[in-house]
Amino acid sequence: MKKDSNKLSHLNAAGNPHMVDVAAKQVTNRSATAQAIIQFPSAVFKELTKNNFLSSKGSIFNTAIIAGTMAAKRTADLIPLCHPLSLSQVNIEVETGKDLLLINATIKCEGKTGVEMEALTAATIAALTVYDMCKALSHDIIITQTKLLQKKGGKSDFTR
């Protein structure tokens, strides 16, 4: 059966939501990387840099990494039609830029369905955690450009 690329996979013939049946799919190595960008006011970013991104709540980077890891593992609990997956790797990296942080989340598994939603969830929750830890300094922090950077495995690969 050929997949109709113009058809939403999470709707059945009657137009009702359903979890996609992946029983006939082959298990393959799958990976996905997503990114979230957090933009700070210059003065706030300067203050955070001066303090090595440590707050009264602890290490901003380490807390964001742990939160993103936890989120990746709970994606199926948060997004109703996602399949629960056994993840083989969650890697979250936080990089600094000009008044911003880049959060990259790479997720891997061996499975019948991809890990794009896990990567997007990990990057998003890591970014929200940074916001939570920094909001006492400013509410003018913007989480922006959450996006899938790449996915591998399954029927097709994608690279932004």
N, C-alpha and C. Protein backbone atom coordinates (compact mmCIF):
# COMPACT_ATOMS: atom_id res chain seq x y z
N MET A 1 0.84 -1.17 0.00
CA MET A 1 0.00 0.00 0.00
C MET A 1 0.88 1.24 0.00
N LYS A 2 0.70 2.09 -0.97
CA LYS A 2 1.51 3.30 -1.08
C LYS A 2 0.91 4.39 -0.20
N LYS A 3 1.78 5.06 0.53
CA LYS A 3 1.34 6.13 1.42
C LYS A 3 1.01 7.37 0.60
N ASP A 4 -0.15 7.96 0.87
CA ASP A 4 -0.55 9.20 0.23
C ASP A 4 0.10 10.34 0.99
N SER A 5 1.06 11.04 0.37
CA SER A 5 1.81 12.08 1.07
C SER A 5 0.96 13.30 1.39
N ASN A 6 -0.25 13.40 0.81
CA ASN A 6 -1.13 14.52 1.10
C ASN A 6 -2.18 14.17 2.15
N LYS A 7 -2.03 13.04 2.79
CA LYS A 7 -3.01 12.56 3.76
C LYS A 7 -2.39 12.60 5.16
N LEU A 8 -3.16 13.10 6.11
CA LEU A 8 -2.69 13.11 7.50
C LEU A 8 -2.75 11.70 8.06
N SER A 9 -1.64 11.21 8.56
CA SER A 9 -1.56 9.81 9.00
C SER A 9 -2.31 9.53 10.30
N HIS A 10 -2.64 10.55 11.07
CA HIS A 10 -3.30 10.33 12.35
C HIS A 10 -4.82 10.47 12.28
N LEU A 11 -5.36 10.46 11.05
CA LEU A 11 -6.81 10.46 10.87
C LEU A 11 -7.20 9.19 10.12
N ASN A 12 -8.25 8.51 10.60
CA ASN A 12 -8.70 7.30 9.91
C ASN A 12 -9.62 7.69 8.75
N ALA A 13 -10.19 6.70 8.06
CA ALA A 13 -11.02 6.95 6.88
C ALA A 13 -12.24 7.81 7.21
N ALA A 14 -12.69 7.74 8.44
CA ALA A 14 -13.86 8.54 8.86
C ALA A 14 -13.45 9.93 9.33
N GLY A 15 -12.16 10.21 9.35
CA GLY A 15 -11.69 11.52 9.78
C GLY A 15 -11.47 11.64 11.27
N ASN A 16 -11.53 10.51 11.97
CA ASN A 16 -11.32 10.52 13.42
C ASN A 16 -9.86 10.26 13.75
N PRO A 17 -9.37 10.82 14.87
CA PRO A 17 -7.97 10.59 15.25
C PRO A 17 -7.73 9.14 15.63
N HIS A 18 -6.56 8.65 15.27
CA HIS A 18 -6.15 7.30 15.67
C HIS A 18 -4.63 7.21 15.68
N MET A 19 -4.14 6.28 16.46
CA MET A 19 -2.70 6.01 16.49
C MET A 19 -2.36 5.16 15.27
N VAL A 20 -1.35 5.55 14.55
CA VAL A 20 -0.94 4.84 13.34
C VAL A 20 -0.52 3.41 13.69
N ASP A 21 -0.96 2.46 12.88
CA ASP A 21 -0.59 1.05 13.06
C ASP A 21 0.80 0.84 12.44
N VAL A 22 1.78 0.55 13.28
CA VAL A 22 3.15 0.33 12.78
C VAL A 22 3.55 -1.15 12.82
N ALA A 23 2.57 -2.03 13.03
CA ALA A 23 2.87 -3.46 13.19
C ALA A 23 3.62 -4.04 12.00
N ALA A 24 3.31 -3.63 10.80
CA ALA A 24 3.94 -4.21 9.61
C ALA A 24 5.29 -3.56 9.28
N LYS A 25 5.64 -2.50 9.95
CA LYS A 25 6.91 -1.82 9.66
C LYS A 25 8.10 -2.61 10.20
N GLN A 26 9.24 -2.42 9.56
CA GLN A 26 10.48 -3.04 9.99
C GLN A 26 11.14 -2.20 11.08
N VAL A 27 11.79 -2.85 12.00
CA VAL A 27 12.59 -2.15 13.01
C VAL A 27 13.86 -1.65 12.33
N THR A 28 14.12 -0.36 12.46
CA THR A 28 15.34 0.23 11.90
C THR A 28 15.95 1.18 12.92
N ASN A 29 17.21 1.52 12.71
CA ASN A 29 17.85 2.55 13.53
C ASN A 29 17.27 3.90 13.13
N ARG A 30 16.86 4.66 14.10
CA ARG A 30 16.24 5.95 13.85
C ARG A 30 16.88 7.01 14.71
N SER A 31 16.98 8.21 14.17
CA SER A 31 17.51 9.32 14.95
C SER A 31 16.86 10.61 14.48
N ALA A 32 16.84 11.58 15.35
CA ALA A 32 16.33 12.90 15.01
C ALA A 32 17.02 13.93 15.87
N THR A 33 17.25 15.10 15.30
CA THR A 33 17.81 16.23 16.03
C THR A 33 16.88 17.42 15.86
N ALA A 34 16.54 18.04 16.98
CA ALA A 34 15.71 19.24 16.97
C ALA A 34 16.46 20.34 17.71
N GLN A 35 16.07 21.58 17.42
CA GLN A 35 16.74 22.73 18.03
C GLN A 35 15.70 23.73 18.52
N ALA A 36 15.98 24.34 19.65
CA ALA A 36 15.22 25.49 20.14
C ALA A 36 16.21 26.60 20.42
N ILE A 37 15.81 27.81 20.13
CA ILE A 37 16.67 28.98 20.36
C ILE A 37 16.02 29.84 21.42
N ILE A 38 16.82 30.29 22.37
CA ILE A 38 16.35 31.16 23.44
C ILE A 38 17.09 32.48 23.33
N GLN A 39 16.35 33.55 23.06
CA GLN A 39 16.93 34.89 22.89
C GLN A 39 16.76 35.67 24.19
N PHE A 40 17.84 36.29 24.65
CA PHE A 40 17.85 37.06 25.90
C PHE A 40 18.09 38.53 25.62
N PRO A 41 17.56 39.40 26.47
CA PRO A 41 18.00 40.79 26.42
C PRO A 41 19.51 40.83 26.71
N SER A 42 20.23 41.72 26.06
CA SER A 42 21.69 41.76 26.18
C SER A 42 22.18 41.82 27.62
N ALA A 43 21.56 42.67 28.42
CA ALA A 43 21.99 42.82 29.82
C ALA A 43 21.80 41.53 30.60
N VAL A 44 20.72 40.82 30.35
CA VAL A 44 20.46 39.55 31.04
C VAL A 44 21.48 38.51 30.61
N PHE A 45 21.74 38.42 29.31
CA PHE A 45 22.71 37.43 28.83
C PHE A 45 24.10 37.71 29.39
N LYS A 46 24.44 38.98 29.46
CA LYS A 46 25.74 39.37 30.02
C LYS A 46 25.84 38.93 31.49
N GLU A 47 24.77 39.13 32.24
CA GLU A 47 24.73 38.73 33.65
C GLU A 47 24.85 37.21 33.79
N LEU A 48 24.12 36.48 32.96
CA LEU A 48 24.19 35.02 32.99
C LEU A 48 25.58 34.52 32.64
N THR A 49 26.20 35.12 31.63
CA THR A 49 27.56 34.73 31.23
C THR A 49 28.55 35.01 32.35
N LYS A 50 28.40 36.17 32.99
CA LYS A 50 29.29 36.54 34.09
C LYS A 50 29.21 35.51 35.22
N ASN A 51 28.02 34.94 35.42
CA ASN A 51 27.81 33.95 36.49
C ASN A 51 27.95 32.52 36.00
N ASN A 52 28.54 32.33 34.80
CA ASN A 52 28.73 30.99 34.23
C ASN A 52 27.43 30.20 34.15
N PHE A 53 26.33 30.89 33.92
CA PHE A 53 25.00 30.28 33.80
C PHE A 53 24.63 29.47 35.04
N LEU A 54 25.04 29.99 36.18
CA LEU A 54 24.63 29.42 37.47
C LEU A 54 23.59 30.36 38.07
N SER A 55 22.55 29.78 38.63
CA SER A 55 21.52 30.59 39.29
C SER A 55 21.35 30.09 40.71
N SER A 56 20.48 30.75 41.45
CA SER A 56 20.20 30.30 42.82
C SER A 56 19.53 28.93 42.79
N LYS A 57 18.97 28.54 41.64
CA LYS A 57 18.35 27.22 41.49
C LYS A 57 19.35 26.17 41.02
N GLY A 58 20.59 26.55 40.72
CA GLY A 58 21.60 25.61 40.26
C GLY A 58 22.08 25.93 38.86
N SER A 59 22.75 24.95 38.25
CA SER A 59 23.29 25.10 36.91
C SER A 59 22.14 25.13 35.89
N ILE A 60 22.05 26.22 35.15
CA ILE A 60 21.00 26.37 34.16
C ILE A 60 21.16 25.31 33.07
N PHE A 61 22.37 25.11 32.57
CA PHE A 61 22.60 24.15 31.50
C PHE A 61 22.28 22.73 31.96
N ASN A 62 22.83 22.32 33.12
CA ASN A 62 22.63 20.95 33.59
C ASN A 62 21.16 20.66 33.87
N THR A 63 20.47 21.63 34.45
CA THR A 63 19.04 21.43 34.73
C THR A 63 18.25 21.30 33.44
N ALA A 64 18.57 22.12 32.44
CA ALA A 64 17.89 22.04 31.15
C ALA A 64 18.15 20.69 30.48
N ILE A 65 19.36 20.19 30.56
CA ILE A 65 19.70 18.89 29.97
C ILE A 65 18.91 17.77 30.64
N ILE A 66 18.83 17.80 31.95
CA ILE A 66 18.07 16.76 32.66
C ILE A 66 16.59 16.86 32.31
N ALA A 67 16.05 18.08 32.29
CA ALA A 67 14.63 18.27 31.96
C ALA A 67 14.33 17.79 30.54
N GLY A 68 15.19 18.11 29.60
CA GLY A 68 14.99 17.67 28.22
C GLY A 68 15.06 16.17 28.09
N THR A 69 15.96 15.56 28.83
CA THR A 69 16.08 14.09 28.82
C THR A 69 14.82 13.45 29.37
N MET A 70 14.34 13.97 30.49
CA MET A 70 13.10 13.45 31.08
C MET A 70 11.93 13.62 30.12
N ALA A 71 11.87 14.76 29.45
CA ALA A 71 10.77 15.03 28.53
C ALA A 71 10.79 14.07 27.34
N ALA A 72 11.97 13.81 26.80
CA ALA A 72 12.07 12.88 25.66
C ALA A 72 11.49 11.52 26.04
N LYS A 73 11.77 11.08 27.25
CA LYS A 73 11.29 9.77 27.71
C LYS A 73 9.79 9.76 27.97
N ARG A 74 9.17 10.94 28.13
CA ARG A 74 7.75 11.03 28.45
C ARG A 74 6.91 11.54 27.29
N THR A 75 7.47 11.63 26.10
CA THR A 75 6.77 12.22 24.97
C THR A 75 5.42 11.55 24.71
N ALA A 76 5.36 10.24 24.74
CA ALA A 76 4.09 9.55 24.48
C ALA A 76 3.04 9.86 25.54
N ASP A 77 3.46 10.27 26.73
CA ASP A 77 2.51 10.67 27.77
C ASP A 77 1.97 12.08 27.52
N LEU A 78 2.71 12.88 26.76
CA LEU A 78 2.35 14.28 26.52
C LEU A 78 1.60 14.50 25.20
N ILE A 79 1.94 13.73 24.18
CA ILE A 79 1.36 13.89 22.85
C ILE A 79 0.50 12.66 22.59
N PRO A 80 -0.81 12.83 22.52
CA PRO A 80 -1.74 11.70 22.57
C PRO A 80 -1.52 10.58 21.56
N LEU A 81 -1.12 10.86 20.33
CA LEU A 81 -1.05 9.81 19.33
C LEU A 81 0.37 9.32 19.05
N CYS A 82 1.33 9.72 19.89
CA CYS A 82 2.71 9.22 19.77
C CYS A 82 2.81 7.82 20.36
N HIS A 83 3.63 7.01 19.72
CA HIS A 83 3.90 5.67 20.24
C HIS A 83 4.93 5.75 21.37
N PRO A 84 4.76 4.97 22.43
CA PRO A 84 5.82 4.89 23.43
C PRO A 84 7.03 4.17 22.82
N LEU A 85 8.20 4.73 23.01
CA LEU A 85 9.41 4.18 22.40
C LEU A 85 10.45 3.87 23.46
N SER A 86 11.27 2.89 23.17
CA SER A 86 12.41 2.59 24.01
C SER A 86 13.61 3.32 23.40
N LEU A 87 13.99 4.41 24.03
CA LEU A 87 15.07 5.24 23.49
C LEU A 87 16.42 4.65 23.83
N SER A 88 17.33 4.68 22.88
CA SER A 88 18.68 4.18 23.15
C SER A 88 19.65 5.30 23.48
N GLN A 89 19.31 6.54 23.09
CA GLN A 89 20.17 7.67 23.43
C GLN A 89 19.38 8.97 23.42
N VAL A 90 19.67 9.79 24.42
CA VAL A 90 19.18 11.17 24.47
C VAL A 90 20.41 12.03 24.71
N ASN A 91 20.71 12.91 23.77
CA ASN A 91 21.86 13.79 23.90
C ASN A 91 21.41 15.23 23.71
N ILE A 92 21.58 16.02 24.75
CA ILE A 92 21.17 17.42 24.68
C ILE A 92 22.39 18.28 24.90
N GLU A 93 22.60 19.21 23.98
CA GLU A 93 23.73 20.13 24.07
C GLU A 93 23.21 21.56 24.10
N VAL A 94 23.84 22.38 24.94
CA VAL A 94 23.49 23.79 25.04
C VAL A 94 24.70 24.60 24.61
N GLU A 95 24.50 25.45 23.62
CA GLU A 95 25.58 26.30 23.11
C GLU A 95 25.18 27.76 23.25
N THR A 96 26.19 28.60 23.44
CA THR A 96 25.92 30.03 23.51
C THR A 96 26.17 30.69 22.16
N GLY A 97 25.42 31.74 21.91
CA GLY A 97 25.61 32.59 20.74
C GLY A 97 25.54 34.03 21.20
N LYS A 98 25.28 34.94 20.29
CA LYS A 98 25.17 36.35 20.65
C LYS A 98 23.81 36.58 21.31
N ASP A 99 23.83 36.72 22.62
CA ASP A 99 22.63 36.94 23.43
C ASP A 99 21.61 35.82 23.28
N LEU A 100 22.09 34.61 23.00
CA LEU A 100 21.15 33.50 22.85
C LEU A 100 21.79 32.18 23.24
N LEU A 101 20.91 31.22 23.49
CA LEU A 101 21.32 29.84 23.70
C LEU A 101 20.69 28.99 22.62
N LEU A 102 21.47 28.05 22.09
CA LEU A 102 20.97 27.05 21.15
C LEU A 102 20.88 25.74 21.90
N ILE A 103 19.72 25.14 21.90
CA ILE A 103 19.56 23.83 22.51
C ILE A 103 19.35 22.83 21.39
N ASN A 104 20.23 21.85 21.28
CA ASN A 104 20.11 20.79 20.29
C ASN A 104 19.87 19.48 21.01
N ALA A 105 18.79 18.81 20.62
CA ALA A 105 18.45 17.52 21.22
C ALA A 105 18.49 16.45 20.14
N THR A 106 19.33 15.44 20.35
CA THR A 106 19.43 14.32 19.42
C THR A 106 18.95 13.07 20.14
N ILE A 107 18.02 12.38 19.51
CA ILE A 107 17.42 11.19 20.10
C ILE A 107 17.63 10.04 19.14
N LYS A 108 17.92 8.85 19.70
CA LYS A 108 18.11 7.65 18.88
C LYS A 108 17.31 6.50 19.48
N CYS A 109 16.88 5.59 18.58
CA CYS A 109 16.24 4.36 19.02
C CYS A 109 16.30 3.34 17.88
N GLU A 110 16.01 2.11 18.21
CA GLU A 110 15.75 1.08 17.21
C GLU A 110 14.26 0.82 17.31
N GLY A 111 13.54 1.14 16.24
CA GLY A 111 12.10 0.99 16.34
C GLY A 111 11.41 1.01 15.01
N LYS A 112 10.06 1.00 15.08
CA LYS A 112 9.22 0.98 13.89
C LYS A 112 8.69 2.37 13.54
N THR A 113 8.97 3.34 14.38
CA THR A 113 8.53 4.70 14.12
C THR A 113 9.61 5.67 14.58
N GLY A 114 9.60 6.85 14.02
CA GLY A 114 10.68 7.81 14.25
C GLY A 114 10.62 8.51 15.59
N VAL A 115 11.67 9.27 15.86
CA VAL A 115 11.83 9.96 17.14
C VAL A 115 11.83 11.49 16.99
N GLU A 116 11.18 11.98 15.92
CA GLU A 116 11.12 13.43 15.73
C GLU A 116 10.42 14.13 16.88
N MET A 117 9.29 13.57 17.31
CA MET A 117 8.53 14.21 18.39
C MET A 117 9.30 14.20 19.70
N GLU A 118 10.07 13.15 19.94
CA GLU A 118 10.89 13.09 21.15
C GLU A 118 11.97 14.17 21.12
N ALA A 119 12.59 14.37 19.95
CA ALA A 119 13.62 15.41 19.83
C ALA A 119 13.02 16.80 20.00
N LEU A 120 11.88 17.05 19.36
CA LEU A 120 11.21 18.35 19.48
C LEU A 120 10.76 18.61 20.92
N THR A 121 10.24 17.58 21.56
CA THR A 121 9.80 17.72 22.96
C THR A 121 10.98 17.99 23.88
N ALA A 122 12.07 17.28 23.68
CA ALA A 122 13.26 17.48 24.51
C ALA A 122 13.80 18.90 24.37
N ALA A 123 13.91 19.39 23.14
CA ALA A 123 14.43 20.74 22.93
C ALA A 123 13.49 21.79 23.53
N THR A 124 12.20 21.58 23.36
CA THR A 124 11.21 22.54 23.87
C THR A 124 11.22 22.59 25.39
N ILE A 125 11.21 21.45 26.04
CA ILE A 125 11.17 21.43 27.51
C ILE A 125 12.49 21.93 28.09
N ALA A 126 13.60 21.64 27.44
CA ALA A 126 14.88 22.20 27.89
C ALA A 126 14.83 23.72 27.82
N ALA A 127 14.28 24.26 26.73
CA ALA A 127 14.16 25.71 26.58
C ALA A 127 13.23 26.31 27.63
N LEU A 128 12.11 25.66 27.88
CA LEU A 128 11.18 26.13 28.92
C LEU A 128 11.84 26.12 30.30
N THR A 129 12.68 25.14 30.54
CA THR A 129 13.40 25.06 31.81
C THR A 129 14.37 26.23 31.96
N VAL A 130 15.07 26.58 30.89
CA VAL A 130 15.95 27.75 30.92
C VAL A 130 15.13 28.99 31.24
N TYR A 131 14.00 29.14 30.57
CA TYR A 131 13.13 30.29 30.83
C TYR A 131 12.74 30.33 32.30
N ASP A 132 12.30 29.22 32.84
CA ASP A 132 11.88 29.15 34.24
C ASP A 132 13.02 29.57 35.17
N MET A 133 14.22 29.14 34.87
CA MET A 133 15.36 29.44 35.74
C MET A 133 15.84 30.88 35.61
N CYS A 134 15.48 31.55 34.51
CA CYS A 134 15.97 32.91 34.25
C CYS A 134 14.90 33.99 34.35
N LYS A 135 13.66 33.61 34.51
CA LYS A 135 12.57 34.59 34.46
C LYS A 135 12.64 35.64 35.58
N ALA A 136 13.33 35.33 36.67
CA ALA A 136 13.48 36.33 37.73
C ALA A 136 14.30 37.53 37.25
N LEU A 137 15.16 37.29 36.25
CA LEU A 137 15.98 38.37 35.69
C LEU A 137 15.22 39.19 34.66
N SER A 138 14.31 38.53 33.93
CA SER A 138 13.54 39.23 32.89
C SER A 138 12.47 38.30 32.35
N HIS A 139 11.32 38.89 32.02
CA HIS A 139 10.29 38.15 31.31
C HIS A 139 10.38 38.42 29.80
N ASP A 140 11.38 39.16 29.40
CA ASP A 140 11.59 39.48 28.00
C ASP A 140 12.56 38.49 27.35
N ILE A 141 12.42 37.24 27.74
CA ILE A 141 13.19 36.13 27.16
C ILE A 141 12.26 35.48 26.14
N ILE A 142 12.78 35.21 24.94
CA ILE A 142 11.94 34.67 23.88
C ILE A 142 12.46 33.30 23.45
N ILE A 143 11.58 32.32 23.51
CA ILE A 143 11.89 30.99 22.96
C ILE A 143 11.38 31.01 21.53
N THR A 144 12.27 30.73 20.60
CA THR A 144 11.91 30.89 19.19
C THR A 144 12.53 29.79 18.35
N GLN A 145 12.01 29.64 17.16
CA GLN A 145 12.57 28.75 16.15
C GLN A 145 12.81 27.32 16.64
N THR A 146 11.83 26.75 17.28
CA THR A 146 11.92 25.33 17.60
C THR A 146 11.64 24.59 16.30
N LYS A 147 12.59 23.74 15.92
CA LYS A 147 12.47 23.09 14.61
C LYS A 147 13.22 21.77 14.56
N LEU A 148 12.78 20.92 13.66
CA LEU A 148 13.48 19.68 13.37
C LEU A 148 14.65 20.00 12.46
N LEU A 149 15.85 19.57 12.83
CA LEU A 149 17.02 19.80 11.99
C LEU A 149 17.28 18.63 11.06
N GLN A 150 17.08 17.41 11.58
CA GLN A 150 17.28 16.23 10.74
C GLN A 150 16.59 15.03 11.35
N LYS A 151 16.28 14.07 10.49
CA LYS A 151 15.80 12.76 10.93
C LYS A 151 16.37 11.71 9.99
N LYS A 152 16.69 10.56 10.55
CA LYS A 152 17.22 9.45 9.76
C LYS A 152 16.51 8.17 10.17
N GLY A 153 16.36 7.29 9.20
CA GLY A 153 15.72 6.00 9.45
C GLY A 153 14.30 5.99 8.92
N GLY A 154 13.77 4.80 8.76
CA GLY A 154 12.43 4.70 8.20
C GLY A 154 12.46 4.84 6.69
N LYS A 155 11.33 5.28 6.12
CA LYS A 155 11.21 5.38 4.66
C LYS A 155 12.00 6.53 4.06
N SER A 156 12.18 7.60 4.82
CA SER A 156 12.87 8.75 4.23
C SER A 156 13.68 9.49 5.30
N ASP A 157 14.72 10.15 4.84
CA ASP A 157 15.55 10.98 5.70
C ASP A 157 15.19 12.44 5.42
N PHE A 158 15.52 13.31 6.36
CA PHE A 158 15.24 14.75 6.22
C PHE A 158 16.39 15.50 6.83
N THR A 159 16.84 16.54 6.14
CA THR A 159 17.83 17.47 6.68
C THR A 159 17.41 18.87 6.33
N ARG A 160 17.37 19.74 7.33
CA ARG A 160 17.03 21.14 7.09
C ARG A 160 18.25 21.85 6.58
